[in-house]
Amino acid sequence: MASILSKNQKKKQDYTLKELKSLGSDLLSSRAHIKNLPLLLSFISPESPPQFVVESLLSLQSFFTPLLSQLPSTSSSSSTKRPRSEEDDDDTSNKKTDEDPEVIFNAWLRSKLDEFVKLLLDVLVSQQSEDTLRDIVLGTLMEFVKLLNAGRFHSSIFHRILNAIIHSAVDIDVFLDILTSKYVKYIDVRYFTYISMEKFVKTLEASAVVSADRTVIEHSETENESKDSLELSIRKIYQVLSPIPPPQKQAEKSDHEMWSGSDESSSSSEKPKDKKKKNKDQDSSLLSPTTIAKRMKLKFTKAWISFLRLPLPLDVYKEVLASIHQTVIPHLSNPAMLCDFLTKSYDIGGVVSVMALSSLFILMTEHGLEYPNFYEKLYALLVPSVFVAKHRARFLQLLDACLRSSLLPAYLAASFTKKLSRLSLSVPPSGSLVITALIYNLLRRHPTINHLVHQETVETANEANSEAEESNECRPKTNKNLGIDYFNNQESDLKKTGAMRSSLWEIDTLRHHYCPPVSRFVSSLETDLTVRAKTTEMKIEDFSSGSYATIFGDEIRRRVKQVPLAFYKAVPTSLFEDSDFPGWTFNIPQEEGKC
């Protein structure tokens, strides 16, 4: 046997491409050359030259495609063998003699087809394979997905394809480029992708629980390896889910194009007429626009909700929060299912809370979510770093929207106004501009806090009058509380900040800001904001994405009527004038006898 195998191996190595092509043509011509099938399968390997793999692949695909409708499924072939093993020993010999050779032959062909699929998957995810070869192999596998299940989508093979892609060492972008460009446009491909992703998430959750139990006994190295592999799998699942277009609310024919039904002639021509009628009746109900929309939305929801339960890495976490309000929430069957995920994200603090605010605001305003202490958490997010964050524009627009209601209590509006006013002293000029716009809108919406624009620091007017009556001398009166700000910037309870007793003195300091646009823009607060008919709200989106570059660009484009020039009517004789420093002299005394 060993000598025979060695001869076969030598023959395989000595085959040329022309001989390999003749083997494939002989296999397609007659059953007498069926022995060429295992030999062609041996060339489907990552170690084989790419041209040999492609030639064997094309021959085997041409051989198996016409026989797909005749081959038994894997489950049926195994189930037919079970009752035979349960028969009596006396009857098994008679059964074997009476068994049809055609059934045995088809079962053997089915096993070779399964081997062919397995070899194709190995070539697909091998690091030695080229991108063009991967494209051809994936196209062959997708053809089997279309045709192998009697014209219906073969979800098992498709699940194996995605499983191999996710667990492969090759960069997943190589496979995603092929899938998104050729197959994601088909609705059944998207449908079964959601199902496969949900299965992958469940297996990851189970493996995470098992690894958590093992870490008590095993070393920290294995724990780090398991965490790295888990994070890598999570990233790949997100990369598969994110480019899939979400289900549309209104059904369109272009959106309902199916991969399994794109070539009906090869699969449906061999079916009887009565089965055609039954399948048409079933497909008419399954492919109705309302049914497709409901099922797609249900699978979309299950896939994303199960994915968001995983321990997401920080970079994936931020990417999800940045786009979830546009790509996920509008297409869920029940958006309220995200309340746990978003509230936990909002409680984390920092940049994560800023990014979760957008989605949480949608659930509160459109889906009736009640979140306690929402404004306290929003108040805590007002720190100088938020005005230079990447997603500051969206956050500032949502901040303005959250404070738009006229039903907000006065202490809450005053606390936010005073907090923003204090931040204007420590943020870049672009932050001072948007803070001024926010304060302008708050003062216009809430007339009860307009006294913050200018409020004396005396405690009561009666005390001031009594002091005026008691003092008969003509001397300036000083207040013992002069310069005290009752606002507590470190207080987290909005009722105890003392903002109602304070004033917006910080805005007055912005009149002398070093950046001219800031000092000019502060003058907008001098108008009487209580007269709402004469004023309009400022659009925060015009200021929320500002930076040093935008301010500089606006100043360059600005037409200035008066330009300061270094012009003197008389030539100056000294660096400073006497009026600049009263009481000082800058004359150098000259000693006698010296010029």
Foldseek 3Di string as FASTA:
>chain_A
DVVVVVVLVVVLVPDDLVNLLVLLVVVQPDVVSVVSLVSLLVQLALPHDLSSNVSSLVSVLVNCLLCLVVADDPVVVVVVVVVLVVDDPVCNVVCVVPDDVVNVVSPVVVVSVVSSLVSLLNQLQDPSHDLVSNLVSVVSLLVCLQANVLLHGNLVSVLVNLVSLLPGPDDNVSVVVSCVVPPLLALVNLLSLLVSLLVVLVVLVVVVVVLVVCPVPDDVVVVVVNVVSSQSSLVSSCVNLVVRAAQDPFDDPSSHHHSSPPCVCSRPVPDDPVVVVVVVVVCVVCSDRVNSLVSRQASLQSSVLSSLVDPHDPVVLLVCLQCCQPRPQVSHPQSCSCVVSLVVQLVVDDPSVLSSLVNVVCCVPPVPDDDPCPLLSVLVNPDQVLLVDPCQLVSLQVVLVVLQDLPDDPLSLLLVLQLLLVSLVPHPLLSLLLNLLSNLNSCLSHVVQVCQADDDLDPDVVVVVVVVVVDPDPDDDDDPCPPDAQADNPDSDSVRRNSSNGHSVSLVVQCPDPQVVSVVSSCVVVDDSPPVVVDDRDDSSVRRPDDPVVSVVVVVPDDDPDDDDPDDPDDDPDPDDCVVPPPDDDDDDDDPPDD
